[in-house]
Amino acid sequence: MSERVDLTPAAADLLRRLVPAHGPVMFHQSGGCCDGSAPMCYPAGEFKVGERDVHLGDLTVDGIEDVPVWMSGPQFEYWKHTHLTIDVVPGRGSGFSLEAPEGVRFLIRSRLFSDEESARLNG
């Protein structure tokens, strides 16, 4: 698992259901409003990552390829002091994210890094 990002067992289970239908996947977290502030799950390679985007790490999920997680650079500046956990909850999210037809949506849960974690990761 990445030191910056993790996922819950429920999110891992959903990814294992999505990958057979869509192939390898990736997450991108933008800084937009509404659904733009939720982690979006896309088929790997279908979302063009920008040069300012930050690679938070790769999620290891048994049974599927590692899942890269990206965040927009400006959003990262706000969140760089937090550990992010991708979770899944009932409800409809964005129509662009792969889980939308499943009646669930991915969301981010966060906690502040300890002083030691922050020093190690943010210099």
N, C-alpha and C. Protein backbone atom coordinates (compact mmCIF):
# COMPACT_ATOMS: atom_id res chain seq x y z
N MET A 1 0.83 -1.19 0.00
CA MET A 1 0.00 0.00 0.00
C MET A 1 0.88 1.26 0.00
N SER A 2 0.35 2.31 -0.53
CA SER A 2 1.02 3.59 -0.54
C SER A 2 0.99 4.20 0.86
N GLU A 3 1.96 5.03 1.16
CA GLU A 3 1.95 5.72 2.45
C GLU A 3 0.95 6.88 2.46
N ARG A 4 0.54 7.35 1.30
CA ARG A 4 -0.38 8.48 1.22
C ARG A 4 -1.83 8.06 1.04
N VAL A 5 -2.06 6.89 0.48
CA VAL A 5 -3.42 6.50 0.13
C VAL A 5 -3.62 5.01 0.38
N ASP A 6 -4.83 4.67 0.79
CA ASP A 6 -5.20 3.28 1.09
C ASP A 6 -6.65 3.10 0.65
N LEU A 7 -7.19 1.95 0.86
CA LEU A 7 -8.61 1.73 0.57
C LEU A 7 -9.20 0.76 1.56
N THR A 8 -10.51 0.83 1.69
CA THR A 8 -11.22 -0.06 2.61
C THR A 8 -11.46 -1.41 1.92
N PRO A 9 -11.76 -2.44 2.71
CA PRO A 9 -12.11 -3.73 2.10
C PRO A 9 -13.31 -3.61 1.16
N ALA A 10 -14.30 -2.78 1.50
CA ALA A 10 -15.46 -2.61 0.62
C ALA A 10 -15.06 -2.01 -0.72
N ALA A 11 -14.15 -1.04 -0.71
CA ALA A 11 -13.68 -0.44 -1.96
C ALA A 11 -12.88 -1.46 -2.77
N ALA A 12 -12.07 -2.28 -2.09
CA ALA A 12 -11.31 -3.32 -2.79
C ALA A 12 -12.25 -4.33 -3.44
N ASP A 13 -13.31 -4.72 -2.73
CA ASP A 13 -14.29 -5.65 -3.30
C ASP A 13 -14.95 -5.07 -4.55
N LEU A 14 -15.31 -3.79 -4.49
CA LEU A 14 -15.93 -3.15 -5.65
C LEU A 14 -14.95 -3.11 -6.82
N LEU A 15 -13.71 -2.80 -6.58
CA LEU A 15 -12.72 -2.78 -7.67
C LEU A 15 -12.59 -4.17 -8.30
N ARG A 16 -12.63 -5.21 -7.47
CA ARG A 16 -12.55 -6.58 -8.03
C ARG A 16 -13.77 -6.90 -8.89
N ARG A 17 -14.90 -6.25 -8.66
CA ARG A 17 -16.08 -6.45 -9.51
C ARG A 17 -16.01 -5.59 -10.78
N LEU A 18 -15.40 -4.42 -10.68
CA LEU A 18 -15.33 -3.51 -11.83
C LEU A 18 -14.29 -3.93 -12.87
N VAL A 19 -13.16 -4.43 -12.42
CA VAL A 19 -12.06 -4.74 -13.33
C VAL A 19 -12.41 -5.79 -14.38
N PRO A 20 -13.12 -6.88 -14.05
CA PRO A 20 -13.45 -7.83 -15.12
C PRO A 20 -14.28 -7.20 -16.26
N ALA A 21 -15.09 -6.22 -15.95
CA ALA A 21 -15.92 -5.57 -16.97
C ALA A 21 -15.19 -4.46 -17.72
N HIS A 22 -14.23 -3.80 -17.04
CA HIS A 22 -13.61 -2.60 -17.62
C HIS A 22 -12.12 -2.69 -17.84
N GLY A 23 -11.49 -3.76 -17.37
CA GLY A 23 -10.04 -3.86 -17.46
C GLY A 23 -9.39 -3.10 -16.31
N PRO A 24 -8.05 -2.97 -16.35
CA PRO A 24 -7.34 -2.26 -15.28
C PRO A 24 -7.91 -0.86 -15.09
N VAL A 25 -7.87 -0.37 -13.85
CA VAL A 25 -8.46 0.92 -13.54
C VAL A 25 -7.45 1.83 -12.83
N MET A 26 -7.84 3.10 -12.72
CA MET A 26 -7.05 4.10 -12.00
C MET A 26 -8.01 5.07 -11.34
N PHE A 27 -7.52 5.80 -10.34
CA PHE A 27 -8.29 6.86 -9.69
C PHE A 27 -7.65 8.20 -9.99
N HIS A 28 -8.52 9.21 -10.10
CA HIS A 28 -8.05 10.60 -10.15
C HIS A 28 -8.95 11.42 -9.23
N GLN A 29 -8.32 12.24 -8.42
CA GLN A 29 -9.02 13.14 -7.50
C GLN A 29 -8.73 14.56 -7.96
N SER A 30 -9.75 15.27 -8.40
CA SER A 30 -9.54 16.65 -8.83
C SER A 30 -9.94 17.58 -7.71
N GLY A 31 -9.87 18.86 -7.97
CA GLY A 31 -10.24 19.83 -6.97
C GLY A 31 -11.55 20.51 -7.28
N GLY A 32 -12.32 19.94 -8.19
CA GLY A 32 -13.56 20.57 -8.59
C GLY A 32 -14.62 20.52 -7.51
N CYS A 33 -15.72 21.17 -7.78
CA CYS A 33 -16.83 21.15 -6.82
C CYS A 33 -17.69 19.91 -7.06
N CYS A 34 -18.57 19.66 -6.15
CA CYS A 34 -19.55 18.57 -6.26
C CYS A 34 -18.85 17.24 -6.50
N ASP A 35 -19.23 16.53 -7.57
CA ASP A 35 -18.60 15.23 -7.83
C ASP A 35 -17.13 15.36 -8.18
N GLY A 36 -16.68 16.55 -8.59
CA GLY A 36 -15.28 16.75 -8.91
C GLY A 36 -14.37 16.60 -7.71
N SER A 37 -14.94 16.67 -6.52
CA SER A 37 -14.13 16.50 -5.32
C SER A 37 -14.14 15.06 -4.82
N ALA A 38 -14.78 14.16 -5.55
CA ALA A 38 -14.80 12.74 -5.21
C ALA A 38 -13.74 12.02 -6.03
N PRO A 39 -13.22 10.90 -5.53
CA PRO A 39 -12.26 10.14 -6.34
C PRO A 39 -13.00 9.49 -7.51
N MET A 40 -12.51 9.72 -8.69
CA MET A 40 -13.14 9.19 -9.90
C MET A 40 -12.35 7.96 -10.36
N CYS A 41 -13.07 6.89 -10.66
CA CYS A 41 -12.46 5.65 -11.12
C CYS A 41 -12.66 5.53 -12.62
N TYR A 42 -11.57 5.38 -13.35
CA TYR A 42 -11.61 5.30 -14.82
C TYR A 42 -10.87 4.05 -15.28
N PRO A 43 -11.18 3.57 -16.49
CA PRO A 43 -10.31 2.54 -17.07
C PRO A 43 -8.90 3.13 -17.21
N ALA A 44 -7.90 2.35 -16.88
CA ALA A 44 -6.51 2.83 -16.97
C ALA A 44 -6.25 3.34 -18.38
N GLY A 45 -5.67 4.53 -18.46
CA GLY A 45 -5.32 5.12 -19.74
C GLY A 45 -6.41 5.97 -20.37
N GLU A 46 -7.64 5.92 -19.87
CA GLU A 46 -8.71 6.72 -20.47
C GLU A 46 -8.78 8.14 -19.91
N PHE A 47 -8.16 8.39 -18.79
CA PHE A 47 -8.09 9.73 -18.24
C PHE A 47 -6.67 10.23 -18.45
N LYS A 48 -6.52 11.36 -19.12
CA LYS A 48 -5.19 11.90 -19.37
C LYS A 48 -4.70 12.64 -18.13
N VAL A 49 -3.65 12.10 -17.54
CA VAL A 49 -3.04 12.71 -16.37
C VAL A 49 -2.20 13.89 -16.84
N GLY A 50 -2.35 15.03 -16.17
CA GLY A 50 -1.60 16.23 -16.53
C GLY A 50 -0.24 16.29 -15.88
N GLU A 51 0.60 17.16 -16.38
CA GLU A 51 1.96 17.26 -15.84
C GLU A 51 1.98 17.83 -14.42
N ARG A 52 0.91 18.50 -14.01
CA ARG A 52 0.84 19.03 -12.64
C ARG A 52 0.20 18.03 -11.68
N ASP A 53 -0.38 16.96 -12.20
CA ASP A 53 -1.00 15.96 -11.33
C ASP A 53 0.07 15.23 -10.52
N VAL A 54 -0.32 14.80 -9.33
CA VAL A 54 0.61 14.14 -8.41
C VAL A 54 0.19 12.67 -8.26
N HIS A 55 1.16 11.78 -8.45
CA HIS A 55 0.92 10.34 -8.25
C HIS A 55 1.03 10.05 -6.76
N LEU A 56 -0.10 9.75 -6.12
CA LEU A 56 -0.11 9.50 -4.67
C LEU A 56 0.41 8.12 -4.33
N GLY A 57 0.32 7.19 -5.27
CA GLY A 57 0.77 5.83 -5.04
C GLY A 57 -0.10 4.85 -5.78
N ASP A 58 0.19 3.58 -5.59
CA ASP A 58 -0.56 2.50 -6.22
C ASP A 58 -1.20 1.65 -5.14
N LEU A 59 -2.47 1.37 -5.31
CA LEU A 59 -3.19 0.51 -4.36
C LEU A 59 -3.00 -0.94 -4.77
N THR A 60 -2.68 -1.78 -3.82
CA THR A 60 -2.55 -3.20 -4.05
C THR A 60 -3.85 -3.87 -3.64
N VAL A 61 -4.48 -4.54 -4.61
CA VAL A 61 -5.75 -5.23 -4.39
C VAL A 61 -5.58 -6.66 -4.88
N ASP A 62 -5.77 -7.62 -4.00
CA ASP A 62 -5.63 -9.02 -4.40
C ASP A 62 -6.52 -9.33 -5.59
N GLY A 63 -5.94 -10.00 -6.58
CA GLY A 63 -6.71 -10.47 -7.73
C GLY A 63 -6.76 -9.54 -8.92
N ILE A 64 -6.27 -8.28 -8.78
CA ILE A 64 -6.25 -7.36 -9.91
C ILE A 64 -4.91 -6.63 -9.94
N GLU A 65 -4.64 -5.96 -11.06
CA GLU A 65 -3.42 -5.17 -11.17
C GLU A 65 -3.46 -4.01 -10.17
N ASP A 66 -2.28 -3.55 -9.76
CA ASP A 66 -2.22 -2.39 -8.89
C ASP A 66 -2.99 -1.23 -9.50
N VAL A 67 -3.58 -0.41 -8.64
CA VAL A 67 -4.44 0.69 -9.08
C VAL A 67 -3.75 2.01 -8.76
N PRO A 68 -3.28 2.74 -9.78
CA PRO A 68 -2.64 4.02 -9.52
C PRO A 68 -3.67 5.06 -9.08
N VAL A 69 -3.23 5.95 -8.17
CA VAL A 69 -4.09 7.01 -7.66
C VAL A 69 -3.37 8.34 -7.90
N TRP A 70 -4.08 9.24 -8.58
CA TRP A 70 -3.54 10.55 -8.94
C TRP A 70 -4.41 11.64 -8.34
N MET A 71 -3.81 12.82 -8.11
CA MET A 71 -4.56 13.98 -7.62
C MET A 71 -4.05 15.21 -8.37
N SER A 72 -4.97 16.13 -8.64
CA SER A 72 -4.54 17.37 -9.29
C SER A 72 -3.54 18.09 -8.39
N GLY A 73 -2.58 18.75 -8.99
CA GLY A 73 -1.55 19.45 -8.22
C GLY A 73 -2.11 20.47 -7.25
N PRO A 74 -3.03 21.35 -7.70
CA PRO A 74 -3.59 22.32 -6.75
C PRO A 74 -4.34 21.65 -5.59
N GLN A 75 -5.06 20.57 -5.86
CA GLN A 75 -5.77 19.85 -4.80
C GLN A 75 -4.76 19.22 -3.83
N PHE A 76 -3.67 18.70 -4.37
CA PHE A 76 -2.64 18.08 -3.53
C PHE A 76 -2.09 19.08 -2.51
N GLU A 77 -1.94 20.33 -2.90
CA GLU A 77 -1.43 21.34 -1.97
C GLU A 77 -2.32 21.45 -0.73
N TYR A 78 -3.62 21.25 -0.88
CA TYR A 78 -4.53 21.28 0.26
C TYR A 78 -4.49 19.98 1.07
N TRP A 79 -4.23 18.86 0.40
CA TRP A 79 -4.37 17.54 1.02
C TRP A 79 -3.03 16.88 1.36
N LYS A 80 -1.90 17.52 1.09
CA LYS A 80 -0.61 16.84 1.25
C LYS A 80 -0.30 16.48 2.70
N HIS A 81 -1.03 17.02 3.64
CA HIS A 81 -0.80 16.72 5.06
C HIS A 81 -1.76 15.66 5.58
N THR A 82 -2.46 14.98 4.66
CA THR A 82 -3.45 13.99 5.09
C THR A 82 -3.21 12.63 4.43
N HIS A 83 -3.54 11.60 5.18
CA HIS A 83 -3.59 10.25 4.63
C HIS A 83 -5.01 10.04 4.12
N LEU A 84 -5.13 9.55 2.91
CA LEU A 84 -6.43 9.38 2.28
C LEU A 84 -6.80 7.90 2.20
N THR A 85 -8.04 7.61 2.51
CA THR A 85 -8.56 6.25 2.39
C THR A 85 -9.76 6.29 1.45
N ILE A 86 -9.69 5.52 0.38
CA ILE A 86 -10.80 5.44 -0.56
C ILE A 86 -11.79 4.41 -0.01
N ASP A 87 -13.03 4.84 0.12
CA ASP A 87 -14.10 3.99 0.63
C ASP A 87 -15.24 3.99 -0.39
N VAL A 88 -16.25 3.20 -0.15
CA VAL A 88 -17.43 3.16 -1.02
C VAL A 88 -18.66 3.19 -0.12
N VAL A 89 -19.66 3.96 -0.55
CA VAL A 89 -20.90 4.10 0.20
C VAL A 89 -22.08 4.02 -0.76
N PRO A 90 -23.26 3.66 -0.26
CA PRO A 90 -24.44 3.66 -1.12
C PRO A 90 -24.74 5.08 -1.61
N GLY A 91 -25.29 5.16 -2.79
CA GLY A 91 -25.67 6.46 -3.34
C GLY A 91 -25.09 6.64 -4.72
N ARG A 92 -25.66 7.57 -5.43
CA ARG A 92 -25.24 7.80 -6.80
C ARG A 92 -24.17 8.88 -6.85
N GLY A 93 -23.07 8.56 -7.51
CA GLY A 93 -22.00 9.53 -7.70
C GLY A 93 -22.04 10.06 -9.12
N SER A 94 -20.91 10.41 -9.62
CA SER A 94 -20.80 10.98 -10.96
C SER A 94 -21.04 9.92 -12.03
N GLY A 95 -21.64 10.33 -13.11
CA GLY A 95 -21.86 9.43 -14.24
C GLY A 95 -20.59 9.06 -14.96
N PHE A 96 -19.48 9.78 -14.69
CA PHE A 96 -18.22 9.48 -15.38
C PHE A 96 -17.40 8.41 -14.68
N SER A 97 -17.64 8.18 -13.39
CA SER A 97 -16.87 7.21 -12.64
C SER A 97 -17.48 5.82 -12.83
N LEU A 98 -16.64 4.80 -12.94
CA LEU A 98 -17.09 3.46 -13.31
C LEU A 98 -18.11 2.85 -12.36
N GLU A 99 -18.13 3.26 -11.10
CA GLU A 99 -19.05 2.65 -10.14
C GLU A 99 -20.46 3.22 -10.22
N ALA A 100 -20.67 4.31 -10.96
CA ALA A 100 -21.96 5.00 -10.98
C ALA A 100 -23.15 4.06 -11.25
N PRO A 101 -23.08 3.15 -12.22
CA PRO A 101 -24.24 2.27 -12.47
C PRO A 101 -24.49 1.24 -11.36
N GLU A 102 -23.56 1.10 -10.43
CA GLU A 102 -23.68 0.11 -9.37
C GLU A 102 -24.52 0.59 -8.19
N GLY A 103 -24.93 1.88 -8.20
CA GLY A 103 -25.71 2.41 -7.10
C GLY A 103 -24.89 2.75 -5.87
N VAL A 104 -23.58 2.87 -6.06
CA VAL A 104 -22.66 3.24 -4.98
C VAL A 104 -21.71 4.31 -5.51
N ARG A 105 -20.95 4.90 -4.60
CA ARG A 105 -19.96 5.89 -5.03
C ARG A 105 -18.74 5.79 -4.15
N PHE A 106 -17.59 6.04 -4.77
CA PHE A 106 -16.35 6.12 -4.01
C PHE A 106 -16.31 7.47 -3.32
N LEU A 107 -15.69 7.51 -2.15
CA LEU A 107 -15.44 8.76 -1.46
C LEU A 107 -14.12 8.67 -0.72
N ILE A 108 -13.63 9.84 -0.29
CA ILE A 108 -12.36 9.91 0.43
C ILE A 108 -12.62 10.14 1.91
N ARG A 109 -11.97 9.34 2.73
CA ARG A 109 -11.92 9.60 4.17
C ARG A 109 -10.47 10.01 4.44
N SER A 110 -10.28 10.91 5.37
CA SER A 110 -8.92 11.39 5.59
C SER A 110 -8.60 11.53 7.07
N ARG A 111 -7.31 11.53 7.34
CA ARG A 111 -6.79 11.83 8.67
C ARG A 111 -5.50 12.61 8.46
N LEU A 112 -5.19 13.48 9.40
CA LEU A 112 -3.94 14.22 9.33
C LEU A 112 -2.77 13.29 9.59
N PHE A 113 -1.69 13.50 8.85
CA PHE A 113 -0.46 12.77 9.14
C PHE A 113 0.07 13.20 10.50
N SER A 114 0.73 12.28 11.17
CA SER A 114 1.46 12.67 12.38
C SER A 114 2.61 13.58 11.94
N ASP A 115 3.22 14.27 12.90
CA ASP A 115 4.36 15.13 12.58
C ASP A 115 5.48 14.33 11.91
N GLU A 116 5.70 13.10 12.38
CA GLU A 116 6.76 12.26 11.81
C GLU A 116 6.43 11.86 10.38
N GLU A 117 5.17 11.45 10.15
CA GLU A 117 4.77 11.08 8.78
C GLU A 117 4.90 12.27 7.84
N SER A 118 4.42 13.41 8.28
CA SER A 118 4.46 14.60 7.44
C SER A 118 5.89 15.00 7.10
N ALA A 119 6.79 14.94 8.07
CA ALA A 119 8.19 15.28 7.82
C ALA A 119 8.80 14.32 6.81
N ARG A 120 8.49 13.03 6.92
CA ARG A 120 9.05 12.03 6.01
C ARG A 120 8.51 12.20 4.59
N LEU A 121 7.21 12.48 4.47
CA LEU A 121 6.59 12.54 3.14
C LEU A 121 6.67 13.91 2.48
N ASN A 122 6.66 14.96 3.27
CA ASN A 122 6.61 16.30 2.71
C ASN A 122 7.89 17.09 2.86
N GLY A 123 8.90 16.46 3.44
CA GLY A 123 10.21 17.09 3.54
C GLY A 123 10.37 18.14 4.58
